[in-house]
N, C-alpha and C. Protein backbone atom coordinates (compact mmCIF):
# COMPACT_ATOMS: atom_id res chain seq x y z
N MET A 1 182.63 168.07 95.63
CA MET A 1 181.38 168.00 96.36
C MET A 1 181.31 166.62 97.02
N PHE A 2 180.94 166.65 98.27
CA PHE A 2 180.79 165.41 99.03
C PHE A 2 179.37 164.89 98.89
N GLU A 3 179.23 163.62 99.05
CA GLU A 3 177.92 162.98 98.89
C GLU A 3 176.87 163.60 99.81
N GLU A 4 177.25 163.97 101.01
CA GLU A 4 176.29 164.55 101.95
C GLU A 4 175.86 165.97 101.53
N ASP A 5 176.59 166.59 100.61
CA ASP A 5 176.24 167.93 100.12
C ASP A 5 175.24 167.89 98.96
N ILE A 6 175.04 166.74 98.38
CA ILE A 6 174.19 166.63 97.18
C ILE A 6 172.75 167.05 97.45
N PRO A 7 172.07 166.59 98.52
CA PRO A 7 170.68 167.03 98.73
C PRO A 7 170.56 168.55 98.88
N GLU A 8 171.50 169.15 99.59
CA GLU A 8 171.48 170.61 99.75
C GLU A 8 171.68 171.31 98.40
N TYR A 9 172.61 170.78 97.63
CA TYR A 9 172.88 171.35 96.30
C TYR A 9 171.64 171.22 95.40
N LEU A 10 171.01 170.06 95.40
CA LEU A 10 169.82 169.84 94.57
C LEU A 10 168.68 170.76 95.00
N GLU A 11 168.53 170.98 96.29
CA GLU A 11 167.50 171.90 96.79
C GLU A 11 167.79 173.33 96.33
N LYS A 12 169.05 173.71 96.35
CA LYS A 12 169.44 175.05 95.88
C LYS A 12 169.13 175.20 94.40
N VAL A 13 169.45 174.21 93.59
CA VAL A 13 169.18 174.25 92.14
C VAL A 13 167.68 174.34 91.90
N LYS A 14 166.90 173.58 92.67
CA LYS A 14 165.44 173.60 92.54
C LYS A 14 164.89 175.00 92.86
N ARG A 15 165.35 175.61 93.97
CA ARG A 15 164.90 176.95 94.35
C ARG A 15 165.24 177.98 93.28
N GLU A 16 166.45 177.90 92.74
CA GLU A 16 166.87 178.84 91.70
C GLU A 16 166.03 178.67 90.44
N TYR A 17 165.72 177.43 90.08
CA TYR A 17 164.89 177.17 88.91
C TYR A 17 163.48 177.73 89.12
N GLU A 18 162.90 177.45 90.27
CA GLU A 18 161.54 177.95 90.56
C GLU A 18 161.52 179.47 90.55
N GLU A 19 162.53 180.09 91.12
CA GLU A 19 162.62 181.55 91.14
C GLU A 19 162.74 182.11 89.72
N SER A 20 163.54 181.45 88.89
CA SER A 20 163.75 181.95 87.53
C SER A 20 162.53 181.75 86.64
N MET A 21 161.66 180.81 86.99
CA MET A 21 160.48 180.53 86.18
C MET A 21 159.22 181.22 86.69
N PHE A 22 159.29 181.85 87.84
CA PHE A 22 158.11 182.40 88.51
C PHE A 22 157.25 183.26 87.58
N PHE A 23 157.83 184.29 87.00
CA PHE A 23 157.05 185.24 86.20
C PHE A 23 156.51 184.61 84.93
N LEU A 24 157.20 183.61 84.42
CA LEU A 24 156.76 182.95 83.19
C LEU A 24 155.55 182.06 83.43
N GLN A 25 155.24 181.78 84.68
CA GLN A 25 154.16 180.85 85.02
C GLN A 25 152.93 181.54 85.62
N GLN A 26 152.78 182.83 85.46
CA GLN A 26 151.71 183.56 86.13
C GLN A 26 150.52 183.90 85.24
N ASN A 27 150.42 183.32 84.06
CA ASN A 27 149.27 183.54 83.17
C ASN A 27 149.14 185.01 82.75
N LEU A 28 150.27 185.62 82.44
CA LEU A 28 150.27 187.03 82.06
C LEU A 28 150.38 187.24 80.56
N GLY A 29 150.90 186.27 79.86
CA GLY A 29 151.13 186.41 78.42
C GLY A 29 152.51 186.96 78.14
N ALA A 30 153.04 186.59 77.01
CA ALA A 30 154.41 186.97 76.64
C ALA A 30 154.58 188.48 76.49
N ASP A 31 153.50 189.17 76.14
CA ASP A 31 153.61 190.63 75.98
C ASP A 31 153.76 191.33 77.33
N VAL A 32 153.68 190.59 78.41
CA VAL A 32 153.82 191.17 79.74
C VAL A 32 154.93 190.49 80.54
N HIS A 33 154.95 189.16 80.58
CA HIS A 33 155.85 188.50 81.53
C HIS A 33 157.32 188.75 81.27
N TRP A 34 157.67 189.11 80.04
CA TRP A 34 159.10 189.35 79.78
C TRP A 34 159.62 190.59 80.47
N PHE A 35 158.79 191.57 80.71
CA PHE A 35 159.26 192.75 81.47
C PHE A 35 159.69 192.32 82.88
N PHE A 36 158.86 191.50 83.51
CA PHE A 36 159.19 191.02 84.86
C PHE A 36 160.40 190.10 84.83
N GLN A 37 160.45 189.23 83.84
CA GLN A 37 161.56 188.29 83.73
C GLN A 37 162.88 189.04 83.53
N GLN A 38 162.86 190.05 82.67
CA GLN A 38 164.06 190.84 82.44
C GLN A 38 164.43 191.64 83.70
N GLY A 39 163.42 192.13 84.43
CA GLY A 39 163.69 192.81 85.69
C GLY A 39 164.38 191.89 86.68
N PHE A 40 163.91 190.65 86.76
CA PHE A 40 164.52 189.66 87.64
C PHE A 40 165.96 189.38 87.22
N GLU A 41 166.19 189.19 85.93
CA GLU A 41 167.55 188.92 85.44
C GLU A 41 168.46 190.11 85.70
N ALA A 42 167.94 191.32 85.51
CA ALA A 42 168.74 192.52 85.79
C ALA A 42 169.09 192.60 87.28
N LEU A 43 168.13 192.31 88.13
CA LEU A 43 168.36 192.34 89.56
C LEU A 43 169.44 191.33 89.96
N LYS A 44 169.35 190.12 89.41
CA LYS A 44 170.37 189.10 89.71
C LYS A 44 171.75 189.55 89.24
N SER A 45 171.79 190.32 88.16
CA SER A 45 173.06 190.80 87.61
C SER A 45 173.49 192.13 88.22
N GLU A 46 172.77 192.59 89.23
CA GLU A 46 173.06 193.84 89.93
C GLU A 46 172.93 195.06 89.03
N LEU A 47 172.05 195.00 88.06
CA LEU A 47 171.73 196.13 87.19
C LEU A 47 170.46 196.77 87.75
N TYR A 48 170.62 197.55 88.79
CA TYR A 48 169.49 198.00 89.60
C TYR A 48 168.57 198.98 88.88
N LEU A 49 169.12 199.91 88.12
CA LEU A 49 168.26 200.82 87.37
C LEU A 49 167.43 200.06 86.33
N ALA A 50 168.05 199.14 85.64
CA ALA A 50 167.34 198.32 84.65
C ALA A 50 166.27 197.48 85.33
N ALA A 51 166.57 196.94 86.50
CA ALA A 51 165.59 196.14 87.23
C ALA A 51 164.39 196.99 87.61
N CYS A 52 164.64 198.17 88.17
CA CYS A 52 163.54 199.07 88.56
C CYS A 52 162.67 199.40 87.35
N SER A 53 163.31 199.78 86.26
CA SER A 53 162.56 200.15 85.05
C SER A 53 161.73 198.99 84.54
N SER A 54 162.32 197.80 84.48
CA SER A 54 161.60 196.64 83.96
C SER A 54 160.42 196.27 84.84
N PHE A 55 160.60 196.28 86.15
CA PHE A 55 159.48 195.94 87.03
C PHE A 55 158.35 196.96 86.92
N ILE A 56 158.70 198.24 86.87
CA ILE A 56 157.67 199.28 86.75
C ILE A 56 156.94 199.16 85.41
N ILE A 57 157.68 198.96 84.33
CA ILE A 57 157.05 198.80 83.02
C ILE A 57 156.18 197.55 83.00
N GLY A 58 156.64 196.48 83.63
CA GLY A 58 155.84 195.26 83.71
C GLY A 58 154.53 195.48 84.44
N ILE A 59 154.60 196.19 85.56
CA ILE A 59 153.38 196.50 86.32
C ILE A 59 152.44 197.33 85.46
N GLU A 60 152.98 198.37 84.83
CA GLU A 60 152.13 199.23 84.01
C GLU A 60 151.55 198.48 82.82
N ALA A 61 152.37 197.71 82.12
CA ALA A 61 151.89 196.96 80.96
C ALA A 61 150.83 195.94 81.35
N SER A 62 151.08 195.21 82.44
CA SER A 62 150.11 194.18 82.85
C SER A 62 148.78 194.81 83.25
N LEU A 63 148.84 195.94 83.89
CA LEU A 63 147.62 196.65 84.28
C LEU A 63 146.87 197.18 83.07
N ARG A 64 147.59 197.83 82.17
CA ARG A 64 146.95 198.42 80.98
C ARG A 64 146.36 197.35 80.07
N ILE A 65 147.10 196.28 79.84
CA ILE A 65 146.61 195.23 78.94
C ILE A 65 145.42 194.51 79.55
N THR A 66 145.51 194.18 80.85
CA THR A 66 144.38 193.50 81.49
C THR A 66 143.15 194.39 81.51
N GLN A 67 143.34 195.66 81.81
CA GLN A 67 142.21 196.60 81.79
C GLN A 67 141.56 196.65 80.41
N ALA A 68 142.38 196.73 79.38
CA ALA A 68 141.86 196.78 78.01
C ALA A 68 141.08 195.50 77.69
N GLN A 69 141.56 194.35 78.15
CA GLN A 69 140.87 193.09 77.89
C GLN A 69 139.57 192.98 78.68
N VAL A 70 139.54 193.54 79.88
CA VAL A 70 138.32 193.53 80.68
C VAL A 70 137.28 194.43 80.02
N GLU A 71 137.71 195.59 79.55
CA GLU A 71 136.78 196.54 78.94
C GLU A 71 136.27 196.06 77.59
N LYS A 72 137.11 195.33 76.85
CA LYS A 72 136.73 194.84 75.54
C LYS A 72 137.41 193.48 75.34
N PRO A 73 136.70 192.39 75.66
CA PRO A 73 137.32 191.06 75.65
C PRO A 73 137.71 190.56 74.25
N GLU A 74 138.85 190.99 73.82
CA GLU A 74 139.40 190.54 72.54
C GLU A 74 140.90 190.77 72.56
N VAL A 75 141.55 190.33 71.51
CA VAL A 75 143.00 190.53 71.41
C VAL A 75 143.29 192.04 71.40
N VAL A 76 144.22 192.45 72.23
CA VAL A 76 144.58 193.86 72.31
C VAL A 76 145.68 194.14 71.30
N ASP A 77 145.37 195.02 70.35
CA ASP A 77 146.35 195.40 69.34
C ASP A 77 146.90 196.80 69.57
N GLU A 78 146.20 197.56 70.40
CA GLU A 78 146.64 198.93 70.67
C GLU A 78 146.11 199.36 72.03
N LEU A 79 146.97 200.04 72.77
CA LEU A 79 146.56 200.55 74.08
C LEU A 79 146.28 202.04 73.99
N ASP A 80 145.32 202.49 74.75
CA ASP A 80 144.98 203.90 74.81
C ASP A 80 146.19 204.65 75.38
N PRO A 81 146.77 205.58 74.62
CA PRO A 81 147.98 206.29 75.09
C PRO A 81 147.73 207.18 76.29
N VAL A 82 146.49 207.47 76.60
CA VAL A 82 146.16 208.32 77.73
C VAL A 82 146.12 207.52 79.03
N LYS A 83 145.81 206.25 78.92
CA LYS A 83 145.65 205.41 80.11
C LYS A 83 146.98 204.79 80.53
N THR A 84 147.79 205.61 81.20
CA THR A 84 149.07 205.14 81.72
C THR A 84 148.94 205.00 83.25
N LEU A 85 149.97 204.47 83.87
CA LEU A 85 149.91 204.20 85.31
C LEU A 85 149.66 205.49 86.08
N SER A 86 148.54 205.52 86.76
CA SER A 86 148.12 206.69 87.52
C SER A 86 147.11 206.24 88.57
N ASN A 87 146.80 207.12 89.51
CA ASN A 87 145.76 206.82 90.48
C ASN A 87 144.44 206.55 89.77
N ARG A 88 144.17 207.31 88.75
CA ARG A 88 142.91 207.14 88.02
C ARG A 88 142.82 205.75 87.38
N LEU A 89 143.89 205.31 86.73
CA LEU A 89 143.89 203.98 86.12
C LEU A 89 143.72 202.91 87.20
N LEU A 90 144.37 203.09 88.34
CA LEU A 90 144.23 202.13 89.43
C LEU A 90 142.79 202.10 89.96
N ASN A 91 142.16 203.26 90.08
CA ASN A 91 140.76 203.30 90.51
C ASN A 91 139.85 202.62 89.50
N ASP A 92 140.09 202.85 88.22
CA ASP A 92 139.30 202.17 87.17
C ASP A 92 139.49 200.66 87.24
N ALA A 93 140.73 200.25 87.45
CA ALA A 93 141.04 198.82 87.56
C ALA A 93 140.36 198.21 88.78
N ARG A 94 140.40 198.93 89.88
CA ARG A 94 139.72 198.44 91.10
C ARG A 94 138.23 198.27 90.83
N ALA A 95 137.62 199.23 90.14
CA ALA A 95 136.19 199.13 89.82
C ALA A 95 135.89 197.91 88.96
N ASN A 96 136.88 197.47 88.18
CA ASN A 96 136.71 196.29 87.33
C ASN A 96 137.13 195.00 88.05
N GLY A 97 137.48 195.10 89.32
CA GLY A 97 137.79 193.92 90.10
C GLY A 97 139.25 193.49 90.14
N LEU A 98 140.14 194.24 89.48
CA LEU A 98 141.56 193.88 89.52
C LEU A 98 142.09 194.05 90.95
N PRO A 99 142.98 193.18 91.37
CA PRO A 99 143.48 193.21 92.76
C PRO A 99 144.56 194.26 92.99
N ILE A 100 144.21 195.52 92.77
CA ILE A 100 145.21 196.58 92.80
C ILE A 100 145.80 196.85 94.18
N ASP A 101 145.13 196.39 95.24
CA ASP A 101 145.71 196.57 96.57
C ASP A 101 147.04 195.84 96.70
N LEU A 102 147.28 194.89 95.82
CA LEU A 102 148.56 194.17 95.81
C LEU A 102 149.71 195.07 95.36
N LEU A 103 149.39 196.25 94.84
CA LEU A 103 150.42 197.20 94.41
C LEU A 103 150.83 198.17 95.51
N ALA A 104 150.26 198.00 96.69
CA ALA A 104 150.64 198.84 97.82
C ALA A 104 151.93 198.28 98.42
N PHE A 105 152.87 199.15 98.69
CA PHE A 105 154.09 198.74 99.36
C PHE A 105 153.74 198.38 100.81
N PRO A 106 154.51 197.50 101.43
CA PRO A 106 154.19 197.04 102.78
C PRO A 106 153.96 198.18 103.80
N GLU A 107 154.75 199.24 103.71
CA GLU A 107 154.61 200.35 104.66
C GLU A 107 153.59 201.40 104.21
N GLU A 108 152.95 201.17 103.08
CA GLU A 108 152.00 202.15 102.54
C GLU A 108 150.59 201.87 103.05
N THR A 109 150.35 202.27 104.28
CA THR A 109 149.06 202.00 104.91
C THR A 109 147.95 202.94 104.43
N ASP A 110 148.33 204.00 103.74
CA ASP A 110 147.35 204.98 103.26
C ASP A 110 147.07 204.84 101.75
N PHE A 111 147.30 203.66 101.21
CA PHE A 111 147.11 203.40 99.78
C PHE A 111 145.70 203.80 99.31
N SER A 112 144.69 203.29 99.98
CA SER A 112 143.30 203.58 99.58
C SER A 112 142.96 205.06 99.75
N GLN A 113 143.49 205.68 100.81
CA GLN A 113 143.23 207.10 101.02
C GLN A 113 143.85 207.93 99.90
N LYS A 114 145.07 207.58 99.48
CA LYS A 114 145.71 208.29 98.39
C LYS A 114 144.93 208.12 97.08
N LEU A 115 144.41 206.91 96.86
CA LEU A 115 143.62 206.69 95.65
C LEU A 115 142.35 207.52 95.64
N ALA A 116 141.84 207.84 96.82
CA ALA A 116 140.59 208.60 96.91
C ALA A 116 140.81 210.11 96.72
N THR A 117 142.06 210.55 96.66
CA THR A 117 142.30 211.99 96.50
C THR A 117 141.94 212.41 95.08
N SER A 118 141.55 213.67 94.96
CA SER A 118 141.16 214.19 93.65
C SER A 118 142.22 215.16 93.14
N ARG A 119 142.01 215.65 91.94
CA ARG A 119 142.99 216.50 91.29
C ARG A 119 143.42 217.69 92.14
N ALA A 120 142.50 218.27 92.88
CA ALA A 120 142.83 219.46 93.69
C ALA A 120 143.85 219.14 94.78
N ASN A 121 143.78 217.94 95.35
CA ASN A 121 144.72 217.57 96.42
C ASN A 121 145.34 216.19 96.15
N LEU A 122 145.63 215.93 94.90
CA LEU A 122 146.10 214.62 94.46
C LEU A 122 147.37 214.19 95.20
N GLN A 123 147.32 212.97 95.72
CA GLN A 123 148.49 212.33 96.33
C GLN A 123 148.63 210.99 95.62
N ASN A 124 149.68 210.84 94.84
CA ASN A 124 149.88 209.59 94.13
C ASN A 124 150.24 208.47 95.10
N VAL A 125 149.72 207.27 94.81
CA VAL A 125 150.17 206.10 95.56
C VAL A 125 151.64 205.89 95.22
N GLU A 126 152.34 205.13 96.05
CA GLU A 126 153.79 205.01 95.93
C GLU A 126 154.23 204.46 94.58
N ILE A 127 153.57 203.44 94.05
CA ILE A 127 154.00 202.87 92.77
C ILE A 127 153.88 203.89 91.65
N VAL A 128 152.86 204.73 91.70
CA VAL A 128 152.69 205.78 90.69
C VAL A 128 153.76 206.85 90.87
N ARG A 129 154.00 207.25 92.11
CA ARG A 129 155.01 208.27 92.38
C ARG A 129 156.40 207.80 91.92
N ILE A 130 156.73 206.57 92.25
CA ILE A 130 158.03 206.02 91.84
C ILE A 130 158.12 205.95 90.32
N ARG A 131 157.05 205.49 89.69
CA ARG A 131 157.03 205.39 88.22
C ARG A 131 157.27 206.76 87.60
N HIS A 132 156.54 207.76 88.06
CA HIS A 132 156.70 209.10 87.50
C HIS A 132 158.12 209.61 87.69
N ASN A 133 158.66 209.44 88.88
CA ASN A 133 160.01 209.94 89.14
C ASN A 133 161.06 209.22 88.30
N LEU A 134 161.08 207.90 88.34
CA LEU A 134 162.12 207.18 87.60
C LEU A 134 161.98 207.32 86.09
N CYS A 135 160.76 207.25 85.60
CA CYS A 135 160.57 207.34 84.15
C CYS A 135 160.86 208.73 83.60
N HIS A 136 160.93 209.71 84.48
CA HIS A 136 161.27 211.07 84.05
C HIS A 136 162.66 211.47 84.52
N GLY A 137 163.44 210.49 84.96
CA GLY A 137 164.83 210.74 85.30
C GLY A 137 165.06 211.42 86.63
N ASN A 138 164.05 211.48 87.48
CA ASN A 138 164.20 212.12 88.78
C ASN A 138 164.67 211.10 89.81
N ILE A 139 165.96 211.05 90.04
CA ILE A 139 166.55 210.11 90.99
C ILE A 139 167.04 210.83 92.25
N LEU A 140 166.67 212.08 92.40
CA LEU A 140 167.23 212.90 93.47
C LEU A 140 167.01 212.29 94.85
N GLU A 141 165.86 211.69 95.11
CA GLU A 141 165.60 211.12 96.43
C GLU A 141 166.47 209.90 96.73
N HIS A 142 167.10 209.36 95.71
CA HIS A 142 167.91 208.15 95.87
C HIS A 142 169.41 208.44 95.99
N ARG A 143 169.77 209.70 95.94
CA ARG A 143 171.19 210.05 96.06
C ARG A 143 171.71 209.71 97.44
N ASN A 144 173.00 209.48 97.51
CA ASN A 144 173.66 209.14 98.76
C ASN A 144 174.40 210.38 99.26
N SER A 145 174.08 210.78 100.49
CA SER A 145 174.77 211.93 101.09
C SER A 145 175.49 211.52 102.38
N ASP A 146 175.84 210.24 102.50
CA ASP A 146 176.53 209.75 103.69
C ASP A 146 177.86 210.48 103.93
N LEU A 147 178.47 210.99 102.89
CA LEU A 147 179.75 211.69 103.01
C LEU A 147 179.57 213.19 103.18
N GLY A 148 178.34 213.63 103.43
CA GLY A 148 178.05 215.05 103.59
C GLY A 148 177.37 215.61 102.35
N THR A 149 176.67 216.72 102.54
CA THR A 149 175.91 217.30 101.43
C THR A 149 176.80 217.79 100.30
N ASP A 150 178.02 218.14 100.59
CA ASP A 150 178.95 218.58 99.54
C ASP A 150 179.47 217.41 98.72
N ASN A 151 179.26 216.20 99.21
CA ASN A 151 179.74 215.00 98.51
C ASN A 151 178.60 214.05 98.13
N THR A 152 177.44 214.60 97.87
CA THR A 152 176.28 213.80 97.48
C THR A 152 176.53 213.21 96.09
N PHE A 153 176.17 211.95 95.94
CA PHE A 153 176.39 211.29 94.65
C PHE A 153 175.27 210.28 94.38
N PHE A 154 175.21 209.85 93.15
CA PHE A 154 174.28 208.79 92.76
C PHE A 154 175.04 207.74 91.97
N THR A 155 174.79 206.49 92.32
CA THR A 155 175.23 205.35 91.53
C THR A 155 174.05 204.40 91.47
N PRO A 156 174.01 203.48 90.52
CA PRO A 156 172.88 202.56 90.45
C PRO A 156 172.65 201.79 91.76
N GLU A 157 173.69 201.58 92.55
CA GLU A 157 173.52 200.89 93.83
C GLU A 157 172.61 201.65 94.78
N CYS A 158 172.43 202.94 94.53
CA CYS A 158 171.55 203.75 95.37
C CYS A 158 170.08 203.31 95.26
N VAL A 159 169.73 202.57 94.21
CA VAL A 159 168.36 202.07 94.06
C VAL A 159 168.29 200.55 94.27
N ARG A 160 169.32 199.99 94.88
CA ARG A 160 169.32 198.54 95.17
C ARG A 160 168.11 198.15 96.01
N ASP A 161 167.89 198.86 97.11
CA ASP A 161 166.75 198.52 97.97
C ASP A 161 165.43 198.69 97.24
N LEU A 162 165.33 199.74 96.44
CA LEU A 162 164.11 199.95 95.66
C LEU A 162 163.90 198.81 94.67
N SER A 163 164.94 198.38 94.00
CA SER A 163 164.79 197.29 93.02
C SER A 163 164.36 196.00 93.71
N ASN A 164 164.87 195.74 94.91
CA ASN A 164 164.44 194.57 95.67
C ASN A 164 162.98 194.70 96.11
N ALA A 165 162.58 195.89 96.53
CA ALA A 165 161.19 196.12 96.92
C ALA A 165 160.25 195.96 95.71
N LEU A 166 160.67 196.47 94.56
CA LEU A 166 159.86 196.32 93.35
C LEU A 166 159.77 194.86 92.91
N TYR A 167 160.83 194.10 93.13
CA TYR A 167 160.80 192.67 92.82
C TYR A 167 159.74 191.97 93.68
N GLN A 168 159.77 192.23 94.98
CA GLN A 168 158.79 191.61 95.88
C GLN A 168 157.37 192.04 95.53
N LEU A 169 157.19 193.32 95.25
CA LEU A 169 155.88 193.84 94.87
C LEU A 169 155.42 193.20 93.55
N SER A 170 156.35 193.04 92.61
CA SER A 170 156.01 192.43 91.32
C SER A 170 155.60 190.98 91.47
N LYS A 171 156.26 190.25 92.35
CA LYS A 171 155.88 188.85 92.59
C LYS A 171 154.46 188.78 93.17
N GLN A 172 154.20 189.64 94.13
CA GLN A 172 152.87 189.69 94.75
C GLN A 172 151.81 190.06 93.72
N TRP A 173 152.09 191.10 92.94
CA TRP A 173 151.16 191.59 91.93
C TRP A 173 150.89 190.55 90.85
N THR A 174 151.93 189.97 90.29
CA THR A 174 151.73 189.03 89.17
C THR A 174 151.02 187.77 89.63
N SER A 175 151.27 187.35 90.84
CA SER A 175 150.57 186.17 91.36
C SER A 175 149.07 186.46 91.47
N GLY A 176 148.72 187.57 92.08
CA GLY A 176 147.31 187.95 92.22
C GLY A 176 146.65 188.26 90.89
N LEU A 177 147.37 188.96 90.02
CA LEU A 177 146.81 189.29 88.71
C LEU A 177 146.62 188.03 87.88
N GLY A 178 147.56 187.10 87.98
CA GLY A 178 147.43 185.83 87.26
C GLY A 178 146.17 185.09 87.68
N GLU A 179 145.89 185.07 88.98
CA GLU A 179 144.66 184.42 89.47
C GLU A 179 143.43 185.15 88.94
N PHE A 180 143.46 186.47 88.95
CA PHE A 180 142.35 187.26 88.41
C PHE A 180 142.12 186.92 86.94
N ARG A 181 143.20 186.88 86.18
CA ARG A 181 143.09 186.60 84.73
C ARG A 181 142.54 185.19 84.48
N LYS A 182 142.95 184.22 85.28
CA LYS A 182 142.44 182.85 85.13
C LYS A 182 140.93 182.80 85.35
N SER A 183 140.46 183.56 86.33
CA SER A 183 139.04 183.51 86.67
C SER A 183 138.16 184.32 85.72
N LEU A 184 138.75 185.27 85.03
CA LEU A 184 137.92 186.19 84.24
C LEU A 184 138.14 186.08 82.73
N LEU A 185 139.38 186.00 82.32
CA LEU A 185 139.68 186.09 80.89
C LEU A 185 139.78 184.74 80.23
């Protein structure tokens, strides 16, 4: 390394450190931030399915735990097994002031409209739809058919873009949720 390369190298080390510490500094608590941290580590290691799962679980856990604390301000020892990530939970969270609009994907302009749908014509918001599909093993939409329909296949790389999108969404969500938690809890 040449002397003129040192400032650039130090800046790179600083950026990597800040990136690796991001989720740990968002006021989420250890029972939540490790899901995001593990998702980040999985993403860096190109473990895309693990990254997707960790980010989704982190979003769901952070939402459920914060909701439970808002509803009953005390240490949460048990979560209601019925209140899992759904449009209904998001609507309840919105009513309690949680910044759930931060869970809308950038291209999801109909987030609020989907949340307003009822059981008869329910349309899940994208984070709920993705959660339901991945957590139930439905990866069909992520298969690669570039070689023709007779050669359709799935590898974890097929969810690389999704894992990157979930990482960005998780950063946005945890930052906003951390601010909410600081002001309320």
